[in-house]
N, C-alpha and C. Protein backbone atom coordinates (compact mmCIF):
# COMPACT_ATOMS: atom_id res chain seq x y z
N MET A 1 4.31 157.24 19.49
CA MET A 1 5.25 156.60 19.60
C MET A 1 6.43 157.73 18.48
N ASP A 2 7.21 157.66 19.23
CA ASP A 2 8.90 158.38 18.73
C ASP A 2 9.22 157.85 17.28
N PRO A 3 9.20 158.50 16.13
CA PRO A 3 9.46 157.70 15.25
C PRO A 3 11.27 157.51 15.36
N GLY A 4 11.43 158.08 15.55
CA GLY A 4 13.35 157.86 16.23
C GLY A 4 13.68 156.84 16.90
N LYS A 5 12.50 155.88 17.47
CA LYS A 5 12.67 154.88 18.36
C LYS A 5 12.33 153.62 17.36
N LEU A 6 12.20 154.01 16.36
CA LEU A 6 12.07 152.75 15.38
C LEU A 6 12.59 152.58 14.55
N ASP A 7 12.81 151.00 14.11
CA ASP A 7 13.52 150.09 13.31
C ASP A 7 12.66 150.34 11.72
N LEU A 8 11.94 150.32 11.65
CA LEU A 8 11.13 149.77 10.69
C LEU A 8 9.77 150.01 10.71
N VAL A 9 8.51 151.06 9.36
CA VAL A 9 7.57 150.85 9.40
C VAL A 9 7.07 149.69 8.38
N ILE A 10 6.30 149.02 8.57
CA ILE A 10 5.61 147.96 7.65
C ILE A 10 4.19 148.64 6.97
N PHE A 11 3.80 148.64 5.85
CA PHE A 11 2.73 148.76 5.10
C PHE A 11 2.24 147.52 4.75
N ASP A 12 0.84 147.41 5.09
CA ASP A 12 -0.02 146.51 4.39
C ASP A 12 -0.40 147.55 3.02
N CYS A 13 -0.94 146.33 1.86
CA CYS A 13 -0.68 147.30 0.74
C CYS A 13 -2.32 147.72 0.57
N ASP A 14 -3.29 146.47 0.37
CA ASP A 14 -4.22 146.67 0.06
C ASP A 14 -5.21 147.45 1.42
N GLY A 15 -6.21 148.72 1.18
CA GLY A 15 -6.49 149.12 1.66
C GLY A 15 -5.85 150.09 3.09
N VAL A 16 -4.61 150.25 2.89
CA VAL A 16 -3.57 150.92 3.60
C VAL A 16 -2.72 152.22 2.09
N LEU A 17 -2.13 151.09 1.65
CA LEU A 17 -1.80 152.13 0.14
C LEU A 17 -2.49 152.72 -1.30
N VAL A 18 -2.97 151.53 -1.36
CA VAL A 18 -4.40 151.47 -2.33
C VAL A 18 -5.49 151.17 -2.16
N ASP A 19 -6.28 151.72 -2.65
CA ASP A 19 -8.09 151.86 -2.08
C ASP A 19 -8.46 150.71 -2.89
N SER A 20 -8.25 149.33 -2.77
CA SER A 20 -8.38 148.31 -3.06
C SER A 20 -9.49 147.27 -3.09
N GLU A 21 -9.76 147.40 -1.63
CA GLU A 21 -10.69 146.25 -0.97
C GLU A 21 -11.88 146.31 -1.47
N LEU A 22 -12.55 147.34 -1.86
CA LEU A 22 -13.84 147.24 -2.21
C LEU A 22 -13.76 146.89 -3.93
N LEU A 23 -12.70 146.98 -4.58
CA LEU A 23 -12.51 146.56 -6.01
C LEU A 23 -12.18 145.04 -6.00
N SER A 24 -11.76 144.65 -5.14
CA SER A 24 -10.96 143.38 -5.30
C SER A 24 -11.88 142.11 -4.76
N CYS A 25 -12.99 142.48 -3.75
CA CYS A 25 -14.24 142.01 -3.18
C CYS A 25 -15.21 142.06 -4.61
N GLN A 26 -15.38 142.98 -5.17
CA GLN A 26 -16.44 143.00 -6.27
C GLN A 26 -16.12 142.01 -7.08
N CYS A 27 -14.78 141.57 -7.33
CA CYS A 27 -14.06 140.99 -8.12
C CYS A 27 -14.66 139.12 -7.75
N LEU A 28 -14.25 139.34 -6.37
CA LEU A 28 -14.55 137.70 -6.04
C LEU A 28 -15.78 137.42 -6.15
N SER A 29 -17.14 138.66 -6.11
CA SER A 29 -18.26 138.27 -6.11
C SER A 29 -18.52 137.90 -7.21
N GLU A 30 -18.18 138.70 -8.39
CA GLU A 30 -18.29 138.34 -9.72
C GLU A 30 -17.78 136.86 -10.09
N VAL A 31 -16.49 136.83 -10.00
CA VAL A 31 -16.00 135.43 -10.55
C VAL A 31 -16.78 134.27 -9.86
N LEU A 32 -17.11 134.21 -8.16
CA LEU A 32 -17.87 133.43 -7.70
C LEU A 32 -18.94 133.13 -8.27
N ALA A 33 -19.82 133.97 -8.80
CA ALA A 33 -21.25 133.87 -9.60
C ALA A 33 -20.98 133.13 -10.67
N GLU A 34 -19.94 133.31 -11.54
CA GLU A 34 -19.61 132.71 -13.12
C GLU A 34 -19.84 131.50 -12.53
N PHE A 35 -19.06 130.77 -11.55
CA PHE A 35 -19.13 129.50 -10.48
C PHE A 35 -20.45 128.94 -10.33
N GLY A 36 -21.23 130.05 -10.14
CA GLY A 36 -22.27 129.27 -9.19
C GLY A 36 -22.43 129.73 -7.61
N PHE A 37 -21.49 130.24 -7.33
CA PHE A 37 -21.57 130.54 -6.21
C PHE A 37 -21.77 132.02 -5.70
N GLU A 38 -23.01 132.04 -4.70
CA GLU A 38 -23.12 133.80 -4.29
C GLU A 38 -22.72 134.09 -3.16
N LEU A 39 -22.18 135.55 -3.03
CA LEU A 39 -21.18 135.77 -2.15
C LEU A 39 -21.45 137.24 -2.25
N GLY A 40 -22.36 138.10 -1.38
CA GLY A 40 -22.23 139.43 -1.66
C GLY A 40 -20.76 140.32 -1.23
N VAL A 41 -20.90 141.45 -2.07
CA VAL A 41 -19.24 142.26 -1.61
C VAL A 41 -19.37 142.62 0.31
N GLU A 42 -20.03 142.95 0.62
CA GLU A 42 -20.44 142.88 2.03
C GLU A 42 -20.03 141.89 3.08
N GLN A 43 -20.12 140.61 2.27
CA GLN A 43 -20.19 139.30 2.98
C GLN A 43 -18.38 139.12 2.63
N ALA A 44 -17.82 139.21 1.52
CA ALA A 44 -16.36 138.83 1.06
C ALA A 44 -16.06 139.86 2.06
N LEU A 45 -16.32 140.96 2.18
CA LEU A 45 -15.33 142.02 3.20
C LEU A 45 -15.01 140.88 4.72
N ASP A 46 -16.19 140.82 4.79
CA ASP A 46 -16.15 140.30 6.24
C ASP A 46 -15.75 139.08 6.65
N LEU A 47 -15.86 138.41 5.36
CA LEU A 47 -15.35 136.83 5.40
C LEU A 47 -13.79 136.69 5.11
N PHE A 48 -12.78 137.85 4.18
CA PHE A 48 -11.48 137.78 3.43
C PHE A 48 -10.50 138.84 3.55
N LEU A 49 -11.13 140.14 4.38
CA LEU A 49 -10.27 141.31 4.25
C LEU A 49 -9.40 140.72 5.33
N GLY A 50 -8.07 141.16 4.47
CA GLY A 50 -6.58 140.98 4.94
C GLY A 50 -5.84 139.53 4.60
N ARG A 51 -7.22 138.48 3.93
CA ARG A 51 -6.98 137.48 4.17
C ARG A 51 -5.84 136.85 2.66
N SER A 52 -5.29 135.65 2.45
CA SER A 52 -4.40 135.46 1.14
C SER A 52 -5.84 135.05 0.48
N ALA A 53 -5.69 134.71 -0.82
CA ALA A 53 -6.59 134.06 -1.77
C ALA A 53 -7.06 132.68 -1.35
N GLY A 54 -5.81 131.94 -0.89
CA GLY A 54 -6.06 130.13 -0.33
C GLY A 54 -7.24 130.25 0.77
N ALA A 55 -7.36 131.55 1.28
CA ALA A 55 -8.46 131.46 2.48
C ALA A 55 -9.90 131.17 1.82
N ILE A 56 -9.77 131.73 0.48
CA ILE A 56 -11.25 131.43 -0.11
C ILE A 56 -11.20 130.46 -0.31
N GLY A 57 -10.65 129.29 -0.71
CA GLY A 57 -10.54 128.15 -1.31
C GLY A 57 -11.06 127.16 0.26
N GLN A 58 -10.27 127.68 1.13
CA GLN A 58 -10.36 127.33 2.42
C GLN A 58 -11.43 127.46 2.87
N TYR A 59 -12.44 127.86 3.07
CA TYR A 59 -13.41 128.21 3.37
C TYR A 59 -14.73 127.72 2.81
N TYR A 60 -14.41 127.24 1.54
CA TYR A 60 -15.35 126.66 0.64
C TYR A 60 -15.24 124.96 1.22
N ARG A 61 -14.10 124.65 1.24
CA ARG A 61 -14.11 123.07 1.20
C ARG A 61 -14.36 122.55 2.60
N GLU A 62 -14.20 123.62 3.67
CA GLU A 62 -14.77 123.24 5.07
C GLU A 62 -15.88 123.18 5.14
N ARG A 63 -16.89 123.99 3.81
CA ARG A 63 -18.24 123.72 3.81
C ARG A 63 -18.80 122.72 2.56
N GLY A 64 -17.85 121.94 2.27
CA GLY A 64 -18.15 120.72 1.37
C GLY A 64 -18.45 121.19 0.01
N HIS A 65 -17.64 122.23 -0.35
CA HIS A 65 -17.45 122.95 -1.71
C HIS A 65 -16.26 122.57 -2.07
N ILE A 66 -16.20 122.45 -3.54
CA ILE A 66 -14.38 122.39 -4.09
C ILE A 66 -14.70 123.27 -4.96
N LEU A 67 -13.82 124.73 -5.15
CA LEU A 67 -13.85 125.54 -6.24
C LEU A 67 -12.94 124.63 -7.18
N PRO A 68 -13.64 125.25 -8.63
CA PRO A 68 -12.74 124.95 -9.79
C PRO A 68 -11.29 124.84 -9.81
N ASP A 69 -10.58 124.24 -10.59
CA ASP A 69 -9.14 124.26 -10.53
C ASP A 69 -8.80 125.62 -10.89
N ASP A 70 -9.19 126.53 -11.95
CA ASP A 70 -8.89 127.71 -12.79
C ASP A 70 -9.59 128.83 -12.11
N PHE A 71 -10.53 128.57 -10.60
CA PHE A 71 -10.72 129.59 -10.15
C PHE A 71 -9.83 130.58 -9.60
N LEU A 72 -8.80 130.25 -9.12
CA LEU A 72 -7.78 131.52 -9.15
C LEU A 72 -7.22 131.98 -10.12
N LEU A 73 -6.90 131.28 -10.74
CA LEU A 73 -6.19 131.99 -11.85
C LEU A 73 -7.58 133.40 -12.73
N ARG A 74 -8.68 132.69 -12.85
CA ARG A 74 -9.76 133.46 -13.23
C ARG A 74 -9.93 134.59 -12.43
N LEU A 75 -9.82 134.60 -11.09
CA LEU A 75 -9.90 135.87 -10.03
C LEU A 75 -8.84 136.62 -10.20
N LYS A 76 -7.66 136.13 -10.37
CA LYS A 76 -6.31 137.22 -10.54
C LYS A 76 -6.49 137.69 -11.77
N ALA A 77 -6.98 137.08 -12.57
CA ALA A 77 -6.80 137.83 -14.00
C ALA A 77 -7.79 139.31 -13.91
N ARG A 78 -9.01 138.50 -13.37
CA ARG A 78 -10.03 139.88 -13.20
C ARG A 78 -9.30 140.98 -12.49
N VAL A 79 -8.80 140.70 -11.17
CA VAL A 79 -8.49 141.74 -10.33
C VAL A 79 -7.66 143.03 -11.10
N LEU A 80 -6.59 141.85 -11.68
CA LEU A 80 -5.10 142.79 -12.31
C LEU A 80 -5.92 143.47 -13.43
N GLU A 81 -6.79 143.09 -14.36
CA GLU A 81 -7.68 143.81 -15.20
C GLU A 81 -8.16 145.18 -14.53
N THR A 82 -9.13 145.01 -13.34
CA THR A 82 -9.84 145.77 -12.94
C THR A 82 -8.71 146.81 -12.40
N PHE A 83 -8.04 146.39 -11.46
CA PHE A 83 -6.87 146.95 -11.25
C PHE A 83 -6.38 148.18 -11.98
N ALA A 84 -5.46 147.62 -13.20
CA ALA A 84 -5.02 148.62 -14.29
C ALA A 84 -6.10 149.71 -14.72
N GLY A 85 -7.48 149.32 -14.83
CA GLY A 85 -8.09 150.61 -15.06
C GLY A 85 -8.94 151.30 -14.09
N ALA A 86 -8.63 150.95 -12.78
CA ALA A 86 -9.58 151.87 -11.78
C ALA A 86 -8.93 152.14 -10.22
N LEU A 87 -7.60 151.49 -10.00
CA LEU A 87 -7.13 151.38 -9.18
C LEU A 87 -6.54 152.70 -8.55
N GLN A 88 -6.98 153.07 -7.38
CA GLN A 88 -6.16 154.87 -7.08
C GLN A 88 -5.55 154.51 -5.59
N PRO A 89 -4.84 155.36 -5.71
CA PRO A 89 -4.31 155.33 -3.78
C PRO A 89 -5.11 155.81 -3.04
N ILE A 90 -4.53 155.57 -1.74
CA ILE A 90 -4.84 156.39 -0.74
C ILE A 90 -4.71 157.90 -0.71
N PRO A 91 -5.89 158.58 -0.53
CA PRO A 91 -5.31 159.97 -0.27
C PRO A 91 -4.31 160.07 0.50
N GLY A 92 -3.56 161.11 0.12
CA GLY A 92 -2.22 161.68 1.18
C GLY A 92 -1.17 160.62 1.45
N VAL A 93 -1.15 159.22 0.75
CA VAL A 93 -0.62 158.63 1.26
C VAL A 93 1.21 158.77 0.46
N GLY A 94 1.39 158.97 -0.81
CA GLY A 94 2.17 159.25 -1.53
C GLY A 94 3.22 160.58 -0.74
N ALA A 95 2.75 161.24 -0.21
CA ALA A 95 2.90 162.74 0.07
C ALA A 95 3.51 162.14 1.91
N MET A 96 2.69 161.20 2.22
CA MET A 96 3.22 160.72 3.89
C MET A 96 4.47 159.81 3.78
N VAL A 97 4.66 158.95 2.64
CA VAL A 97 5.52 158.12 2.77
C VAL A 97 6.70 158.84 2.21
N SER A 98 6.87 159.61 1.40
CA SER A 98 7.97 160.50 0.66
C SER A 98 8.71 161.36 2.16
N GLU A 99 7.86 161.44 2.98
CA GLU A 99 8.67 162.09 4.18
C GLU A 99 8.86 161.23 5.15
N LEU A 100 8.60 160.42 4.80
CA LEU A 100 9.24 159.16 6.23
C LEU A 100 10.58 158.63 6.24
N LYS A 101 11.28 159.14 7.11
CA LYS A 101 12.90 158.57 7.26
C LYS A 101 13.02 157.43 7.65
N THR A 102 12.19 156.76 8.45
CA THR A 102 12.34 155.59 9.18
C THR A 102 11.91 154.62 7.89
N PRO A 103 13.19 153.24 7.97
CA PRO A 103 13.26 152.33 6.69
C PRO A 103 11.46 152.02 6.85
N HIS A 104 11.19 151.47 5.20
CA HIS A 104 9.90 151.03 5.53
C HIS A 104 9.69 149.79 4.41
N CYS A 105 8.64 149.34 4.08
CA CYS A 105 8.80 148.44 3.57
C CYS A 105 6.79 147.93 3.19
N VAL A 106 6.61 146.77 2.38
CA VAL A 106 5.03 146.36 2.29
C VAL A 106 5.21 144.96 2.60
N ALA A 107 4.00 144.27 3.61
CA ALA A 107 3.90 143.03 3.96
C ALA A 107 2.22 143.18 3.19
N SER A 108 2.38 142.08 2.45
CA SER A 108 0.86 141.94 1.73
C SER A 108 0.32 140.30 1.74
N SER A 109 -0.90 139.98 2.23
CA SER A 109 -1.65 138.83 1.79
C SER A 109 -1.67 138.56 0.26
N SER A 110 -1.61 139.74 -0.45
CA SER A 110 -1.65 139.33 -2.17
C SER A 110 -0.06 138.99 -2.52
N ASP A 111 -0.74 138.28 -3.68
CA ASP A 111 0.71 137.72 -4.42
C ASP A 111 1.77 138.93 -4.97
N ILE A 112 2.60 138.81 -5.00
CA ILE A 112 3.62 139.53 -5.68
C ILE A 112 3.19 140.56 -6.70
N ASP A 113 2.94 139.56 -7.84
CA ASP A 113 2.08 140.39 -8.97
C ASP A 113 1.10 141.18 -8.64
N ARG A 114 0.33 141.17 -7.82
CA ARG A 114 -0.79 141.88 -7.67
C ARG A 114 -0.40 143.19 -7.19
N VAL A 115 0.90 142.94 -6.02
CA VAL A 115 1.17 144.15 -5.20
C VAL A 115 2.19 144.95 -5.93
N SER A 116 2.42 144.41 -7.12
CA SER A 116 3.53 145.28 -8.11
C SER A 116 2.92 146.00 -9.09
N LEU A 117 1.91 145.35 -9.44
CA LEU A 117 0.98 146.02 -10.06
C LEU A 117 0.01 147.16 -9.41
N SER A 118 -0.21 147.07 -8.24
CA SER A 118 -1.13 148.04 -7.39
C SER A 118 -0.17 149.34 -7.32
N LEU A 119 1.20 148.87 -6.86
CA LEU A 119 2.19 149.72 -6.44
C LEU A 119 2.59 150.97 -8.13
N SER A 120 2.41 150.28 -8.96
CA SER A 120 3.08 150.63 -10.24
C SER A 120 1.77 151.68 -10.64
N VAL A 121 0.48 151.11 -11.04
CA VAL A 121 -0.31 151.72 -11.13
C VAL A 121 -0.59 152.81 -10.65
N THR A 122 -0.33 153.07 -9.15
CA THR A 122 -0.82 154.60 -8.39
C THR A 122 0.29 154.98 -7.86
N GLY A 123 1.60 154.96 -9.03
CA GLY A 123 3.02 155.88 -8.80
C GLY A 123 3.37 155.52 -7.57
N LEU A 124 3.36 154.46 -6.67
CA LEU A 124 4.08 154.33 -5.28
C LEU A 124 5.51 153.11 -5.33
N SER A 125 5.24 153.08 -6.36
CA SER A 125 6.95 151.62 -6.64
C SER A 125 8.32 152.30 -6.09
N SER A 126 8.44 153.48 -6.39
CA SER A 126 9.30 154.13 -6.09
C SER A 126 9.83 154.13 -4.89
N HIS A 127 8.18 154.30 -3.76
CA HIS A 127 8.58 154.76 -2.31
C HIS A 127 9.49 153.16 -1.94
N PHE A 128 9.01 152.13 -2.33
CA PHE A 128 9.37 150.59 -1.64
C PHE A 128 9.98 149.90 -2.80
N GLU A 129 10.59 150.24 -3.97
CA GLU A 129 11.70 149.47 -4.70
C GLU A 129 10.71 148.15 -4.85
N ASP A 130 11.95 147.25 -4.14
CA ASP A 130 11.90 145.83 -4.09
C ASP A 130 12.05 145.18 -2.62
N ARG A 131 11.52 146.01 -2.09
CA ARG A 131 11.23 145.96 -0.74
C ARG A 131 9.76 145.55 -0.19
N LEU A 132 9.30 144.21 -0.72
CA LEU A 132 8.12 144.03 -0.82
C LEU A 132 8.11 142.42 -0.39
N TYR A 133 7.08 142.13 0.45
CA TYR A 133 7.17 141.05 1.00
C TYR A 133 6.08 140.44 1.19
N THR A 134 5.53 139.35 0.63
CA THR A 134 3.91 138.68 0.63
C THR A 134 3.66 137.07 0.80
N ALA A 135 2.29 136.72 1.24
CA ALA A 135 2.18 135.92 1.91
C ALA A 135 2.65 134.39 0.70
N GLN A 136 2.89 134.50 -0.01
CA GLN A 136 4.02 133.55 -0.82
C GLN A 136 5.07 132.78 -0.22
N MET A 137 5.48 133.87 0.44
CA MET A 137 7.29 133.84 1.13
C MET A 137 7.41 132.86 2.08
N VAL A 138 5.72 132.94 3.00
CA VAL A 138 5.86 132.04 4.36
C VAL A 138 5.07 130.98 3.93
N LYS A 139 5.32 130.17 5.46
CA LYS A 139 4.30 128.94 5.08
C LYS A 139 2.56 129.62 5.73
N HIS A 140 2.61 130.38 6.44
CA HIS A 140 1.39 130.58 7.10
C HIS A 140 1.46 132.26 7.12
N GLY A 141 -0.08 132.57 6.59
CA GLY A 141 -0.52 134.02 6.27
C GLY A 141 -1.02 134.61 7.34
N LYS A 142 -1.46 135.80 7.44
CA LYS A 142 -2.03 136.42 8.56
C LYS A 142 -3.00 135.81 8.83
N PRO A 143 -4.14 135.85 9.96
CA PRO A 143 -3.21 135.97 11.46
C PRO A 143 -2.17 135.63 12.06
N ALA A 144 -1.66 134.41 11.39
CA ALA A 144 -0.48 134.39 12.13
C ALA A 144 0.95 135.31 11.77
N PRO A 145 1.69 135.44 12.67
CA PRO A 145 2.82 136.45 12.60
C PRO A 145 4.06 136.08 11.31
N ASP A 146 4.01 135.30 10.90
CA ASP A 146 5.27 134.50 9.79
C ASP A 146 5.45 135.90 9.02
N LEU A 147 4.37 136.27 8.13
CA LEU A 147 5.09 137.29 7.29
C LEU A 147 5.28 138.60 8.10
N PHE A 148 4.89 138.97 8.51
CA PHE A 148 5.63 140.15 9.57
C PHE A 148 6.78 139.90 10.12
N LEU A 149 7.16 138.98 10.69
CA LEU A 149 8.56 138.88 11.15
C LEU A 149 9.43 138.14 10.00
N TYR A 150 9.11 137.83 9.24
CA TYR A 150 9.90 137.59 7.55
C TYR A 150 10.25 138.58 6.87
N ALA A 151 9.38 139.69 6.99
CA ALA A 151 9.53 141.33 6.73
C ALA A 151 10.73 141.62 7.90
N ALA A 152 10.41 141.63 9.10
CA ALA A 152 11.81 142.34 9.85
C ALA A 152 12.83 141.78 9.96
N GLU A 153 13.01 140.46 9.39
CA GLU A 153 14.09 139.89 9.49
C GLU A 153 14.96 140.28 8.34
N LYS A 154 13.96 140.61 6.86
CA LYS A 154 14.79 141.00 6.26
C LYS A 154 15.12 142.49 5.80
N MET A 155 14.37 143.08 6.53
CA MET A 155 14.92 144.27 6.79
C MET A 155 15.53 144.89 8.24
N ARG A 156 16.13 143.50 8.64
CA ARG A 156 16.85 143.84 9.95
C ARG A 156 16.78 144.45 11.09
N ALA A 157 15.15 144.33 11.27
CA ALA A 157 14.52 145.40 12.35
C ALA A 157 14.21 143.98 13.63
N ALA A 158 14.23 145.28 14.58
CA ALA A 158 13.45 144.24 15.51
C ALA A 158 12.17 144.25 15.77
N PRO A 159 11.52 142.74 15.68
CA PRO A 159 9.97 143.15 16.18
C PRO A 159 9.55 144.23 17.11
N ALA A 160 10.36 144.47 18.23
CA ALA A 160 9.34 145.36 19.31
C ALA A 160 9.80 147.03 18.87
N ARG A 161 10.61 146.94 17.99
CA ARG A 161 10.73 148.23 17.17
C ARG A 161 10.28 148.62 15.60
N THR A 162 9.51 147.62 15.55
CA THR A 162 8.56 147.82 14.45
C THR A 162 7.00 148.06 14.24
N LEU A 163 6.81 148.98 13.66
CA LEU A 163 5.39 149.69 13.59
C LEU A 163 4.83 149.00 12.20
N VAL A 164 3.46 148.12 12.42
CA VAL A 164 2.82 148.00 11.16
C VAL A 164 1.09 149.00 10.87
N ILE A 165 1.39 148.87 10.14
CA ILE A 165 -0.10 150.11 9.72
C ILE A 165 -0.91 149.01 8.78
N GLU A 166 -1.90 148.54 9.42
CA GLU A 166 -3.03 147.81 8.92
C GLU A 166 -4.23 148.27 9.05
N ASP A 167 -4.95 147.61 8.02
CA ASP A 167 -6.64 147.88 8.23
C ASP A 167 -7.38 146.64 8.04
N SER A 168 -7.08 145.21 8.27
CA SER A 168 -8.07 144.58 8.98
C SER A 168 -7.75 143.78 10.11
N VAL A 169 -8.65 143.10 10.22
CA VAL A 169 -8.48 142.09 11.83
C VAL A 169 -7.66 141.26 11.65
N SER A 170 -7.04 140.34 10.78
CA SER A 170 -6.24 139.50 10.43
C SER A 170 -5.18 139.82 10.47
N GLY A 171 -4.37 141.34 10.23
CA GLY A 171 -3.57 141.97 9.75
C GLY A 171 -3.16 142.86 11.37
N VAL A 172 -3.74 142.88 11.91
CA VAL A 172 -3.95 143.64 13.27
C VAL A 172 -3.65 142.31 14.22
N GLN A 173 -4.04 141.17 14.10
CA GLN A 173 -3.87 140.17 15.00
C GLN A 173 -1.96 139.77 14.69
N ALA A 174 -2.44 139.61 13.51
CA ALA A 174 -0.58 138.99 12.95
C ALA A 174 0.34 140.11 13.49
N ALA A 175 0.12 141.32 13.48
CA ALA A 175 1.15 142.31 13.91
C ALA A 175 0.97 142.05 15.54
N LYS A 176 0.26 141.83 15.99
CA LYS A 176 0.46 141.79 17.77
C LYS A 176 0.67 140.35 17.87
N ALA A 177 0.71 139.39 17.30
CA ALA A 177 1.33 137.83 17.27
C ALA A 177 2.39 138.20 17.33
N ALA A 178 3.41 139.15 16.38
CA ALA A 178 4.63 138.99 16.14
C ALA A 178 5.55 139.90 17.26
N GLY A 179 4.45 140.78 18.35
CA GLY A 179 5.27 141.37 19.20
C GLY A 179 5.53 142.96 18.92
N MET A 180 4.77 143.43 17.73
CA MET A 180 4.97 144.50 16.76
C MET A 180 3.98 145.49 17.29
N THR A 181 4.49 146.75 17.45
CA THR A 181 2.98 147.95 17.54
C THR A 181 2.14 148.08 16.20
N VAL A 182 0.89 148.07 16.42
CA VAL A 182 0.21 148.27 15.11
C VAL A 182 -1.12 149.38 15.15
N TRP A 183 -1.07 150.10 14.40
CA TRP A 183 -2.06 151.10 14.27
C TRP A 183 -2.97 150.41 12.70
N GLY A 184 -4.03 151.08 13.10
CA GLY A 184 -5.14 150.56 12.48
C GLY A 184 -5.54 151.49 11.29
N PHE A 185 -5.72 151.34 10.09
CA PHE A 185 -6.01 152.54 9.38
C PHE A 185 -7.60 152.22 8.74
N VAL A 186 -8.44 153.43 8.44
CA VAL A 186 -9.59 152.89 8.48
C VAL A 186 -9.89 153.96 7.04
N GLY A 187 -9.09 155.02 6.39
CA GLY A 187 -9.55 155.68 5.18
C GLY A 187 -9.62 154.70 4.07
N GLY A 188 -10.11 153.59 3.95
CA GLY A 188 -10.47 153.20 2.83
C GLY A 188 -11.80 153.01 2.39
N SER A 189 -11.98 153.12 1.32
CA SER A 189 -13.60 153.10 1.26
C SER A 189 -14.42 151.74 1.67
N HIS A 190 -13.85 151.21 1.98
CA HIS A 190 -14.26 149.94 2.46
C HIS A 190 -14.79 150.17 4.00
N TYR A 191 -14.44 151.26 4.21
CA TYR A 191 -14.71 151.18 5.97
C TYR A 191 -16.11 152.27 5.74
N ARG A 192 -16.61 152.84 4.98
CA ARG A 192 -17.44 153.99 4.70
C ARG A 192 -18.89 153.21 5.21
N GLY A 193 -19.26 153.58 6.17
CA GLY A 193 -20.64 153.05 6.86
C GLY A 193 -20.61 152.00 8.03
N ARG A 194 -18.89 151.29 7.89
CA ARG A 194 -18.43 150.62 9.09
C ARG A 194 -17.79 151.31 10.03
N ASP A 195 -17.68 150.65 11.57
CA ASP A 195 -17.02 151.36 12.25
C ASP A 195 -15.51 150.97 12.69
N GLY A 196 -14.85 151.28 11.63
CA GLY A 196 -13.57 150.85 11.95
C GLY A 196 -12.89 150.99 13.03
N GLN A 197 -13.31 151.99 13.35
CA GLN A 197 -12.33 152.15 15.03
C GLN A 197 -12.80 150.96 16.12
N ALA A 198 -14.12 150.82 16.05
CA ALA A 198 -14.00 149.75 17.27
C ALA A 198 -13.78 148.14 16.57
N ILE A 199 -13.82 148.06 15.13
CA ILE A 199 -13.47 146.44 14.59
C ILE A 199 -12.04 146.82 14.63
N LEU A 200 -10.92 147.62 14.47
CA LEU A 200 -9.86 147.39 14.82
C LEU A 200 -9.10 147.68 16.03
N SER A 201 -9.93 148.57 16.66
CA SER A 201 -9.41 148.79 18.35
C SER A 201 -9.89 146.89 19.03
N GLY A 202 -11.14 146.60 18.66
CA GLY A 202 -11.55 145.11 19.31
C GLY A 202 -10.27 144.14 18.73
N ALA A 203 -9.38 144.10 17.75
CA ALA A 203 -8.93 143.10 17.15
C ALA A 203 -7.43 143.37 17.87
N GLY A 204 -7.39 144.64 18.77
CA GLY A 204 -5.97 145.24 19.34
C GLY A 204 -5.19 146.06 18.60
N ALA A 205 -5.36 146.54 17.72
CA ALA A 205 -4.72 147.94 17.28
C ALA A 205 -4.44 149.19 18.38
N ASP A 206 -3.21 149.62 18.43
CA ASP A 206 -2.58 150.26 19.52
C ASP A 206 -3.45 151.49 19.31
N ARG A 207 -3.36 151.74 17.91
CA ARG A 207 -4.11 153.41 17.54
C ARG A 207 -4.93 153.05 16.47
N VAL A 208 -6.04 153.80 16.17
CA VAL A 208 -6.67 153.94 14.97
C VAL A 208 -6.77 155.29 14.41
N PHE A 209 -6.21 155.43 13.08
CA PHE A 209 -6.74 156.99 12.58
C PHE A 209 -7.23 157.05 11.00
N THR A 210 -8.03 157.78 10.49
CA THR A 210 -8.43 157.91 9.28
C THR A 210 -7.83 158.46 7.85
N ARG A 211 -7.05 159.70 8.54
CA ARG A 211 -5.90 160.02 7.31
C ARG A 211 -4.78 159.91 7.03
N MET A 212 -4.02 159.62 5.94
CA MET A 212 -2.60 159.93 5.94
C MET A 212 -1.99 160.99 6.56
N SER A 213 -2.95 161.99 6.10
CA SER A 213 -2.01 163.30 7.06
C SER A 213 -2.05 163.51 8.26
N ASP A 214 -2.50 162.37 9.26
CA ASP A 214 -2.71 162.15 10.58
C ASP A 214 -1.54 161.21 10.78
N PHE A 215 -1.22 160.80 10.08
CA PHE A 215 0.01 159.56 10.27
C PHE A 215 0.31 159.70 11.76
N TRP A 216 1.36 160.90 11.68
CA TRP A 216 1.75 161.28 13.32
C TRP A 216 1.46 161.64 14.19
N GLU A 217 0.08 162.00 14.28
CA GLU A 217 -0.42 163.28 14.66
C GLU A 217 -0.97 162.14 16.10
N ASP A 218 -0.65 163.04 17.27
CA ASP A 218 -0.93 161.94 18.46
C ASP A 218 -0.56 160.60 18.99
N ALA A 219 0.74 160.37 18.02
CA ALA A 219 1.01 159.19 17.66
C ALA A 219 1.84 158.53 19.30
C-alpha cells in the first residue's frame, strides 16, 4: 500500500506496540485462580486475545458462573503492577513510528489507564500523545467495528483510506468490518510456537508481517 494514499494508520496497543499479551494472560490466569477458576495462559490467549475485560465476565456468565464484584479491579491492579516492572516495547517499533509521516493513533480494547501506562513505561507516549482511543469510548468492542470507526472519525480520516495494524483475530475482523485495510502483526512473544500467518490471514488480514523493520516492505 502506498503510504501517500493513506489518511491514517491505527495501531492496536497490546501485542503491536508493546509485548504485553503473555504478561496480561498470565495475570488473568493468576487472578482467576485466586477466585477458584482454572484457566491456562494458552487458553486465555485463545479466548481473550484482543478482547476487552468485559468479554471475560461475559464468557463466564454464559457458562453459569458469576465472577466476584472485585474481580476486574483485582485484575487491573495486577496487570498495572506487572507492566510497570516488566513490560517491553515491540522491538523496532519506536524507530518505525518515529519515521511514519502519516497521521497515526492507538485504538485498543484495553482501558485508557492501561494504554497510557503501557506507552509511558515503554517510552512510546510521545509518538501518540493524546491520540488514544479505547473500548471504553464505544458501545461495542472488537470484533465490532465501532472502535476503529470512532478513531477514524476523531482523526478525520476516511475508513477506506485507513490502515490498521492488529495482532488478534477479533481486531482483524473489526478492521475489516469497518471497511479498512488491515495488516496482521505476529512479532509478539505470544506468537512463538503458533502459526500467526495462518491465524490472521484466515481472519481476513490483507498482509501479515513479523518485524517492525519490515513495516513497508512488500506493502
